[in-house]
Protein backbone atom coordinates (compact mmCIF):
# COMPACT_ATOMS: atom_id res chain seq x y z
CA MET A 1 22.30 -7.26 -28.51
CA LEU A 2 18.70 -6.39 -29.53
CA LYS A 3 17.83 -10.05 -29.61
CA PHE A 4 19.11 -10.48 -26.09
CA ILE A 5 17.25 -7.49 -24.81
CA LEU A 6 13.95 -8.68 -26.35
CA LEU A 7 14.48 -12.28 -24.93
CA SER A 8 15.25 -10.88 -21.52
CA LEU A 9 12.21 -8.62 -21.55
CA ALA A 10 10.06 -11.51 -22.63
CA GLN A 11 11.48 -13.64 -19.93
CA THR A 12 11.00 -11.17 -17.22
CA PHE A 13 7.46 -10.35 -18.50
CA LEU A 14 6.60 -14.07 -18.31
CA LEU A 15 7.97 -14.28 -14.79
CA ALA A 16 5.92 -11.28 -13.67
CA SER A 17 2.80 -12.51 -15.34
CA GLY A 18 3.26 -15.72 -13.47
CA GLN A 19 3.46 -13.87 -10.15
CA VAL A 20 0.36 -11.81 -11.09
CA CYS A 21 -1.59 -15.03 -11.88
CA LEU A 22 -0.36 -16.53 -8.64
CA LYS A 23 -1.70 -13.50 -6.71
CA VAL A 24 -5.06 -13.67 -8.54
CA SER A 25 -5.39 -17.38 -7.95
CA MET A 26 -4.63 -16.92 -4.18
CA GLU A 27 -7.26 -14.18 -3.99
CA ARG A 28 -9.84 -16.57 -5.31
CA MET A 29 -8.97 -19.35 -2.83
CA ASP A 30 -10.28 -19.99 0.68
CA LYS A 31 -8.04 -19.39 3.63
CA PHE A 32 -4.93 -21.60 3.37
CA SER A 33 -4.94 -24.94 5.02
CA PHE A 34 -3.05 -28.21 4.58
CA THR A 35 -6.15 -30.18 3.56
CA TRP A 36 -7.04 -32.24 0.51
CA GLY A 37 -10.00 -29.93 -0.15
CA TYR A 38 -7.77 -26.87 -0.38
CA PHE A 39 -5.36 -28.46 -2.66
CA ARG A 40 -8.13 -29.87 -4.90
CA GLN A 41 -9.56 -26.33 -5.12
CA LEU A 42 -6.10 -25.01 -5.94
CA PHE A 43 -5.41 -27.50 -8.69
CA THR A 44 -8.72 -26.89 -10.33
CA ASN A 45 -8.14 -23.11 -10.41
CA TRP A 46 -7.45 -22.00 -14.01
CA THR A 47 -5.42 -19.02 -12.97
CA PHE A 48 -3.10 -21.31 -10.88
CA ALA A 49 -2.67 -23.47 -14.04
CA LEU A 50 -1.77 -20.32 -15.98
CA THR A 51 0.77 -19.49 -13.36
CA GLY A 52 2.54 -22.70 -14.10
CA LEU A 53 2.50 -22.09 -17.83
CA PHE A 54 3.98 -18.61 -17.39
CA PHE A 55 6.70 -20.00 -15.13
CA ILE A 56 7.56 -22.86 -17.52
CA GLY A 57 7.82 -20.33 -20.45
CA ALA A 58 10.04 -18.05 -18.33
CA THR A 59 12.25 -20.99 -17.34
CA VAL A 60 12.73 -22.15 -20.82
CA LEU A 61 13.62 -18.67 -22.03
CA TRP A 62 15.98 -18.28 -19.01
CA MET A 63 17.73 -21.53 -19.93
CA HIS A 64 18.30 -20.23 -23.49
CA ILE A 65 19.55 -16.87 -22.19
CA LEU A 66 21.93 -18.61 -19.73
CA ARG A 67 23.30 -20.87 -22.43
CA ASN A 68 24.00 -18.08 -24.87
CA TYR A 69 24.74 -14.93 -22.96
CA PRO A 70 27.13 -13.80 -20.12
CA PHE A 71 25.62 -14.44 -16.66
CA SER A 72 27.00 -11.10 -15.47
CA VAL A 73 24.69 -9.29 -17.93
CA ALA A 74 21.79 -11.73 -18.01
CA TYR A 75 21.04 -12.06 -14.28
CA PRO A 76 20.84 -8.34 -13.38
CA ILE A 77 18.34 -7.87 -16.16
CA THR A 78 15.86 -10.06 -14.34
CA SER A 79 15.37 -7.20 -12.02
CA PHE A 80 13.17 -5.77 -14.74
CA ALA A 81 10.54 -8.11 -13.39
CA TYR A 82 10.14 -5.55 -10.56
CA VAL A 83 9.11 -2.90 -13.15
CA PHE A 84 6.46 -5.21 -14.64
CA GLY A 85 5.33 -6.09 -11.15
CA MET A 86 4.93 -2.53 -10.19
CA LEU A 87 2.89 -1.83 -13.27
CA ALA A 88 0.65 -4.87 -12.45
CA ALA A 89 0.12 -3.58 -8.95
CA LEU A 90 -1.01 -0.29 -10.29
CA LEU A 91 -3.04 -1.38 -13.29
CA ILE A 92 -4.37 -4.79 -12.24
CA PHE A 93 -4.62 -4.70 -8.49
CA LYS A 94 -5.31 -0.93 -8.27
CA GLU A 95 -2.75 -0.45 -5.48
CA ALA A 96 -1.52 2.96 -4.48
CA ILE A 97 2.21 3.24 -5.24
CA PRO A 98 4.11 5.77 -3.19
CA PRO A 99 6.61 8.04 -4.96
CA THR A 100 9.61 6.34 -3.31
CA ARG A 101 8.74 3.09 -5.09
CA TRP A 102 8.59 4.86 -8.38
CA ILE A 103 12.06 6.28 -7.67
CA GLY A 104 13.21 2.77 -7.00
CA VAL A 105 11.72 1.55 -10.38
CA ALA A 106 13.42 4.42 -12.15
CA LEU A 107 16.73 3.41 -10.56
CA ILE A 108 16.23 -0.17 -11.72
CA VAL A 109 15.55 1.01 -15.32
CA ALA A 110 18.59 3.31 -15.24
CA GLY A 111 20.71 0.45 -13.81
CA VAL A 112 19.60 -1.90 -16.66
CA PHE A 113 20.32 0.86 -19.17
CA PHE A 114 23.92 1.29 -17.83
CA LEU A 115 24.35 -2.46 -17.64
CA LEU A 116 23.57 -2.76 -21.37
CA LYS A 117 25.59 0.24 -22.40
CA GLN A 118 28.85 -0.93 -23.89
């Protein structure tokens, strides 16, 4: 069970890291437009490339998890990405997080705990 938990946490961390890199790369871009110049700028953006690497890593781990563990346990644990996302919002993007969102994160953590309890 410990291996499953560690794999799941790694997968959700990679997923959340990809989303963080995507946000950072979008902040560095000009206003969105369907032009060659915009997409050339996008594909030469190293944080956008890092986004892809994180998503590929998360997908490979997810494939392993799906192959070896019950879906009814594996899928709900992906909600832990919200926890990592909230921490990134606070620590990386310096966003103010209202108490109600922290309550929601606590409920997610509690839900994952009960889900894993046998």
